[in-house]
Amino acid sequence: MAVHDEEPDGPSQDPEFLARRARLNERLDAARARQAPPPSALQPKGGLSGMAAGLKIASEFIAGIVVGALIGYGIDVAFDTRPFGLIVFLLFGFAAGVTNVVRSVSKDKKSPDSSQQDPLDRP
């Protein structure tokens, strides 16, 4: 028993049916065109810009900790206060690293048309 896609006497040969199907296809195409995102929205912007931003934030965080540790170690060697200078300035470096990360993330999320000015941004 063979299955036929179109029967010769079926609704697919009816001119009214063909006209309705054509109108429906046009409406569907128009609706798909309105709802489909533009092709550029599907592609990542700037290639590796997300990875670059992540590496920048990570390096700022680590740099703050390393600089704090080096300053603390230097103070410990200079004033013979081991390990208190290292501990205190390591914590300061951690705080500076976290502050840098928060600034970087909040700067990225701020919209350009924002009317609010950051209190830390001074002319």
C-alpha atoms as a PDB file:
ATOM      1  CA  MET A   1       0.000   0.000   0.000  1.00  0.00           C
ATOM      2  CA  ALA A   2       1.590   3.256  -1.162  1.00  0.00           C
ATOM      3  CA  VAL A   3       1.137   6.589   0.559  1.00  0.00           C
ATOM      4  CA  HIS A   4       0.565   9.536  -1.765  1.00  0.00           C
ATOM      5  CA  ASP A   5       1.442  13.102  -0.758  1.00  0.00           C
ATOM      6  CA  GLU A   6      -1.277  14.658  -2.857  1.00  0.00           C
ATOM      7  CA  GLU A   7      -4.444  13.127  -4.102  1.00  0.00           C
ATOM      8  CA  PRO A   8      -5.664  14.390  -7.476  1.00  0.00           C
ATOM      9  CA  ASP A   9      -9.163  15.146  -6.173  1.00  0.00           C
ATOM     10  CA  GLY A  10      -8.087  16.287  -2.675  1.00  0.00           C
ATOM     11  CA  PRO A  11      -8.033  19.781  -1.113  1.00  0.00           C
ATOM     12  CA  SER A  12      -4.544  20.533  -2.435  1.00  0.00           C
ATOM     13  CA  GLN A  13      -5.971  21.098  -5.921  1.00  0.00           C
ATOM     14  CA  ASP A  14      -8.696  23.490  -4.751  1.00  0.00           C
ATOM     15  CA  PRO A  15      -7.825  27.092  -5.849  1.00  0.00           C
ATOM     16  CA  GLU A  16      -9.400  28.549  -2.704  1.00  0.00           C
ATOM     17  CA  PHE A  17      -7.284  26.236  -0.550  1.00  0.00           C
ATOM     18  CA  LEU A  18      -4.122  27.157  -2.455  1.00  0.00           C
ATOM     19  CA  ALA A  19      -4.860  30.880  -2.048  1.00  0.00           C
ATOM     20  CA  ARG A  20      -5.472  30.471   1.717  1.00  0.00           C
ATOM     21  CA  ARG A  21      -2.272  28.452   2.069  1.00  0.00           C
ATOM     22  CA  ALA A  22      -0.287  31.115   0.210  1.00  0.00           C
ATOM     23  CA  ARG A  23      -1.731  33.888   2.442  1.00  0.00           C
ATOM     24  CA  LEU A  24      -0.942  31.842   5.527  1.00  0.00           C
ATOM     25  CA  ASN A  25       2.637  31.253   4.376  1.00  0.00           C
ATOM     26  CA  GLU A  26       3.075  34.992   3.785  1.00  0.00           C
ATOM     27  CA  ARG A  27       1.761  35.794   7.258  1.00  0.00           C
ATOM     28  CA  LEU A  28       4.017  33.155   8.813  1.00  0.00           C
ATOM     29  CA  ASP A  29       7.063  34.489   6.980  1.00  0.00           C
ATOM     30  CA  ALA A  30       6.276  38.037   8.136  1.00  0.00           C
ATOM     31  CA  ALA A  31       5.827  36.883  11.744  1.00  0.00           C
ATOM     32  CA  ARG A  32       9.100  34.923  11.650  1.00  0.00           C
ATOM     33  CA  ALA A  33      10.920  37.931  10.247  1.00  0.00           C
ATOM     34  CA  ARG A  34       9.612  40.117  13.092  1.00  0.00           C
ATOM     35  CA  GLN A  35      10.531  37.620  15.815  1.00  0.00           C
ATOM     36  CA  ALA A  36      13.873  36.385  14.519  1.00  0.00           C
ATOM     37  CA  PRO A  37      16.898  38.114  16.052  1.00  0.00           C
ATOM     38  CA  PRO A  38      19.295  39.679  13.588  1.00  0.00           C
ATOM     39  CA  PRO A  39      22.189  37.385  12.633  1.00  0.00           C
ATOM     40  CA  SER A  40      24.675  39.712  14.327  1.00  0.00           C
ATOM     41  CA  ALA A  41      22.932  39.226  17.686  1.00  0.00           C
ATOM     42  CA  LEU A  42      23.655  35.504  17.561  1.00  0.00           C
ATOM     43  CA  GLN A  43      27.394  35.985  17.115  1.00  0.00           C
ATOM     44  CA  PRO A  44      29.625  37.043  20.009  1.00  0.00           C
ATOM     45  CA  LYS A  45      30.785  40.631  19.803  1.00  0.00           C
ATOM     46  CA  GLY A  46      34.486  41.252  19.634  1.00  0.00           C
ATOM     47  CA  GLY A  47      35.583  37.627  19.506  1.00  0.00           C
ATOM     48  CA  LEU A  48      37.391  37.028  22.789  1.00  0.00           C
ATOM     49  CA  SER A  49      36.260  40.214  24.527  1.00  0.00           C
ATOM     50  CA  GLY A  50      34.556  38.277  27.334  1.00  0.00           C
ATOM     51  CA  MET A  51      37.674  36.263  27.991  1.00  0.00           C
ATOM     52  CA  ALA A  52      39.809  39.391  27.854  1.00  0.00           C
ATOM     53  CA  ALA A  53      37.590  41.129  30.400  1.00  0.00           C
ATOM     54  CA  GLY A  54      37.747  38.104  32.707  1.00  0.00           C
ATOM     55  CA  LEU A  55      41.536  37.943  32.489  1.00  0.00           C
ATOM     56  CA  LYS A  56      41.768  41.686  33.153  1.00  0.00           C
ATOM     57  CA  ILE A  57      39.628  41.412  36.269  1.00  0.00           C
ATOM     58  CA  ALA A  58      41.544  38.358  37.522  1.00  0.00           C
ATOM     59  CA  SER A  59      44.925  40.020  36.956  1.00  0.00           C
ATOM     60  CA  GLU A  60      43.812  43.177  38.801  1.00  0.00           C
ATOM     61  CA  PHE A  61      42.679  41.071  41.753  1.00  0.00           C
ATOM     62  CA  ILE A  62      45.903  39.039  41.906  1.00  0.00           C
ATOM     63  CA  ALA A  63      48.067  42.139  41.410  1.00  0.00           C
ATOM     64  CA  GLY A  64      46.453  43.836  44.426  1.00  0.00           C
ATOM     65  CA  ILE A  65      47.177  40.816  46.613  1.00  0.00           C
ATOM     66  CA  VAL A  66      50.774  40.427  45.356  1.00  0.00           C
ATOM     67  CA  VAL A  67      51.588  44.127  45.799  1.00  0.00           C
ATOM     68  CA  GLY A  68      50.142  44.086  49.314  1.00  0.00           C
ATOM     69  CA  ALA A  69      52.166  40.992  50.203  1.00  0.00           C
ATOM     70  CA  LEU A  70      55.378  42.524  48.825  1.00  0.00           C
ATOM     71  CA  ILE A  71      54.862  45.762  50.734  1.00  0.00           C
ATOM     72  CA  GLY A  72      54.122  43.812  53.908  1.00  0.00           C
ATOM     73  CA  TYR A  73      57.200  41.629  53.441  1.00  0.00           C
ATOM     74  CA  GLY A  74      59.330  44.721  52.850  1.00  0.00           C
ATOM     75  CA  ILE A  75      58.060  46.327  56.043  1.00  0.00           C
ATOM     76  CA  ASP A  76      58.717  43.089  57.951  1.00  0.00           C
ATOM     77  CA  VAL A  77      62.308  42.948  56.708  1.00  0.00           C
ATOM     78  CA  ALA A  78      62.927  46.670  57.310  1.00  0.00           C
ATOM     79  CA  PHE A  79      61.482  46.835  60.821  1.00  0.00           C
ATOM     80  CA  ASP A  80      61.878  43.178  61.907  1.00  0.00           C
ATOM     81  CA  THR A  81      58.148  42.790  62.647  1.00  0.00           C
ATOM     82  CA  ARG A  82      57.613  39.355  61.067  1.00  0.00           C
ATOM     83  CA  PRO A  83      54.825  38.258  60.242  1.00  0.00           C
ATOM     84  CA  PHE A  84      52.556  41.151  61.201  1.00  0.00           C
ATOM     85  CA  GLY A  85      53.420  43.492  58.314  1.00  0.00           C
ATOM     86  CA  LEU A  86      52.873  40.703  55.802  1.00  0.00           C
ATOM     87  CA  ILE A  87      49.517  39.749  57.323  1.00  0.00           C
ATOM     88  CA  VAL A  88      48.229  43.324  57.555  1.00  0.00           C
ATOM     89  CA  PHE A  89      49.320  44.377  54.072  1.00  0.00           C
ATOM     90  CA  LEU A  90      48.161  41.086  52.574  1.00  0.00           C
ATOM     91  CA  LEU A  91      44.691  41.944  53.886  1.00  0.00           C
ATOM     92  CA  PHE A  92      45.034  45.487  52.493  1.00  0.00           C
ATOM     93  CA  GLY A  93      46.049  44.002  49.131  1.00  0.00           C
ATOM     94  CA  PHE A  94      43.033  41.684  49.201  1.00  0.00           C
ATOM     95  CA  ALA A  95      40.747  44.645  49.932  1.00  0.00           C
ATOM     96  CA  ALA A  96      42.348  46.630  47.101  1.00  0.00           C
ATOM     97  CA  GLY A  97      41.900  43.690  44.718  1.00  0.00           C
ATOM     98  CA  VAL A  98      38.231  43.308  45.613  1.00  0.00           C
ATOM     99  CA  THR A  99      37.731  47.063  45.189  1.00  0.00           C
ATOM    100  CA  ASN A 100      39.321  46.936  41.730  1.00  0.00           C
ATOM    101  CA  VAL A 101      37.095  44.028  40.699  1.00  0.00           C
ATOM    102  CA  VAL A 102      33.952  45.801  41.906  1.00  0.00           C
ATOM    103  CA  ARG A 103      34.936  48.990  40.068  1.00  0.00           C
ATOM    104  CA  SER A 104      35.629  47.110  36.842  1.00  0.00           C
ATOM    105  CA  VAL A 105      32.345  45.208  36.957  1.00  0.00           C
ATOM    106  CA  SER A 106      30.252  48.254  37.874  1.00  0.00           C
ATOM    107  CA  LYS A 107      31.929  50.293  35.116  1.00  0.00           C
ATOM    108  CA  ASP A 108      31.007  47.615  32.562  1.00  0.00           C
ATOM    109  CA  LYS A 109      27.379  47.474  33.685  1.00  0.00           C
ATOM    110  CA  LYS A 110      26.845  51.243  33.779  1.00  0.00           C
ATOM    111  CA  SER A 111      24.824  52.434  30.801  1.00  0.00           C
ATOM    112  CA  PRO A 112      26.272  55.304  28.751  1.00  0.00           C
ATOM    113  CA  ASP A 113      23.066  57.343  29.018  1.00  0.00           C
ATOM    114  CA  SER A 114      23.055  57.132  32.811  1.00  0.00           C
ATOM    115  CA  SER A 115      22.343  60.498  34.383  1.00  0.00           C
ATOM    116  CA  GLN A 116      23.792  59.486  37.760  1.00  0.00           C
ATOM    117  CA  GLN A 117      27.430  60.293  38.279  1.00  0.00           C
ATOM    118  CA  ASP A 118      29.696  58.051  40.308  1.00  0.00           C
ATOM    119  CA  PRO A 119      30.794  59.948  43.445  1.00  0.00           C
ATOM    120  CA  LEU A 120      34.347  58.652  42.948  1.00  0.00           C
ATOM    121  CA  ASP A 121      34.568  60.121  39.432  1.00  0.00           C
ATOM    122  CA  ARG A 122      35.763  63.675  39.825  1.00  0.00           C
ATOM    123  CA  PRO A 123      36.832  66.013  37.031  1.00  0.00           C
END
